[in-house]
Protein backbone atom coordinates (compact mmCIF):
# COMPACT_ATOMS: atom_id res chain seq x y z
CA MET A 1 38.42 114.35 -7.36
CA VAL A 2 41.81 115.98 -7.77
CA PHE A 3 42.49 117.93 -10.94
CA GLU A 4 45.93 117.32 -12.39
CA ALA A 5 47.25 119.67 -15.01
CA VAL A 6 48.75 117.94 -18.04
CA PHE A 7 51.22 120.09 -19.94
CA LYS A 8 52.93 119.07 -23.17
CA PHE A 9 55.87 120.71 -24.94
CA VAL A 10 56.87 120.65 -28.61
CA THR A 11 60.52 121.54 -29.08
CA GLU A 12 62.93 121.99 -31.92
CA PRO A 13 66.15 119.94 -31.96
CA LEU A 14 67.89 120.66 -28.66
CA GLU A 15 71.23 121.07 -30.44
CA TRP A 16 70.05 124.60 -31.21
CA LEU A 17 70.85 127.00 -28.38
CA THR A 18 67.51 128.82 -28.59
CA ALA A 19 65.60 125.53 -28.50
CA LEU A 20 67.59 124.36 -25.49
CA GLN A 21 66.92 127.62 -23.64
CA ARG A 22 63.18 127.46 -24.34
CA PHE A 23 63.09 123.86 -23.15
CA ARG A 24 64.94 124.79 -19.94
CA ASP A 25 62.52 127.69 -19.41
CA PHE A 26 59.59 125.26 -19.74
CA GLN A 27 61.17 122.97 -17.14
CA ALA A 28 61.88 125.91 -14.82
CA ALA A 29 58.27 127.14 -15.07
CA LEU A 30 56.98 123.70 -14.12
CA GLU A 31 59.42 123.53 -11.21
CA LYS A 32 58.48 127.01 -10.00
CA HIS A 33 54.85 125.92 -9.76
CA GLU A 34 55.76 122.53 -8.25
CA ILE A 35 54.54 120.58 -11.26
CA PRO A 36 56.56 117.41 -11.76
CA PHE A 37 58.46 117.12 -15.02
CA GLU A 38 58.40 113.87 -16.95
CA SER A 39 60.06 113.26 -20.30
CA ASP A 40 56.84 111.92 -21.87
CA PRO A 41 55.25 115.33 -22.33
CA VAL A 42 58.01 116.38 -24.74
CA TYR A 43 57.79 115.91 -28.50
CA HIS A 44 60.89 116.67 -30.55
CA GLY A 45 59.89 118.46 -33.74
CA ASN A 46 61.82 120.10 -36.56
CA PHE A 47 60.68 123.75 -36.78
CA ARG A 48 57.92 122.93 -39.30
CA THR A 49 54.13 122.98 -39.22
CA GLU A 50 54.06 119.27 -40.04
CA SER A 51 55.97 118.41 -36.87
CA GLY A 52 53.37 120.31 -34.83
CA MET A 53 50.68 118.17 -36.47
CA GLN A 54 52.68 115.03 -35.72
CA ALA A 55 53.08 116.14 -32.11
CA SER A 56 49.31 116.55 -31.87
CA ASP A 57 48.79 113.04 -33.21
CA TYR A 58 51.21 111.76 -30.58
CA PHE A 59 49.66 113.71 -27.70
CA PHE A 60 46.04 113.07 -28.71
CA SER A 61 46.74 109.32 -28.85
CA LYS A 62 47.43 109.35 -25.10
CA PRO A 63 44.58 108.60 -22.69
CA GLU A 64 44.93 111.70 -20.50
CA TRP A 65 43.23 115.02 -21.20
CA LEU A 66 45.52 117.89 -22.08
CA THR A 67 45.56 121.12 -20.15
CA ALA A 68 47.94 122.93 -22.52
CA VAL A 69 50.47 122.37 -25.28
CA PHE A 70 53.44 124.72 -25.42
CA CYS A 71 55.47 125.05 -28.62
CA SER A 72 58.90 126.54 -29.00
CA ASN A 73 58.19 128.18 -32.36
CA ASP A 74 55.28 129.62 -34.32
CA GLN A 75 55.30 127.12 -37.20
CA MET A 76 54.84 124.19 -34.83
CA VAL A 77 52.04 126.10 -33.06
CA PHE A 78 50.20 126.37 -36.39
CA GLY A 79 50.50 122.60 -36.82
CA VAL A 80 49.19 121.87 -33.31
CA LEU A 81 46.25 124.27 -33.76
CA ASN A 82 45.42 122.94 -37.22
CA LYS A 83 45.34 119.34 -35.97
CA ALA A 84 43.37 120.30 -32.86
CA GLN A 85 40.76 121.98 -35.04
CA GLN A 86 40.53 118.92 -37.30
CA THR A 87 40.22 116.66 -34.26
CA GLU A 88 37.48 118.82 -32.76
CA GLU A 89 35.52 118.77 -36.03
CA THR A 90 35.81 114.98 -36.21
CA PHE A 91 34.71 114.65 -32.60
CA GLU A 92 31.69 116.93 -33.16
CA LYS A 93 30.58 114.96 -36.24
CA THR A 94 30.91 111.66 -34.35
CA ALA A 95 29.07 112.99 -31.29
CA ARG A 96 26.10 114.13 -33.41
CA ARG A 97 25.46 110.65 -34.80
């Protein structure tokens, strides 16, 4: 069995120079480590915690397991972590039944 890393990225609007640079850095890091880039692992957020939660909903609805989610700002990280914690708690309650 071959392990494939699955990386996701939550970005702010790419019209912002800092957001564009962070996105390009993400792409460059993948390229440096010979990890193919596909547009699907990118969720376009809006700087807010809620968009991190929405990104989590989007990513967690996909069938593949996630290796890591990268966020281009702290507020969106809080949203991703909050939703991940809620999802884990729901999974644990379901698994115990």
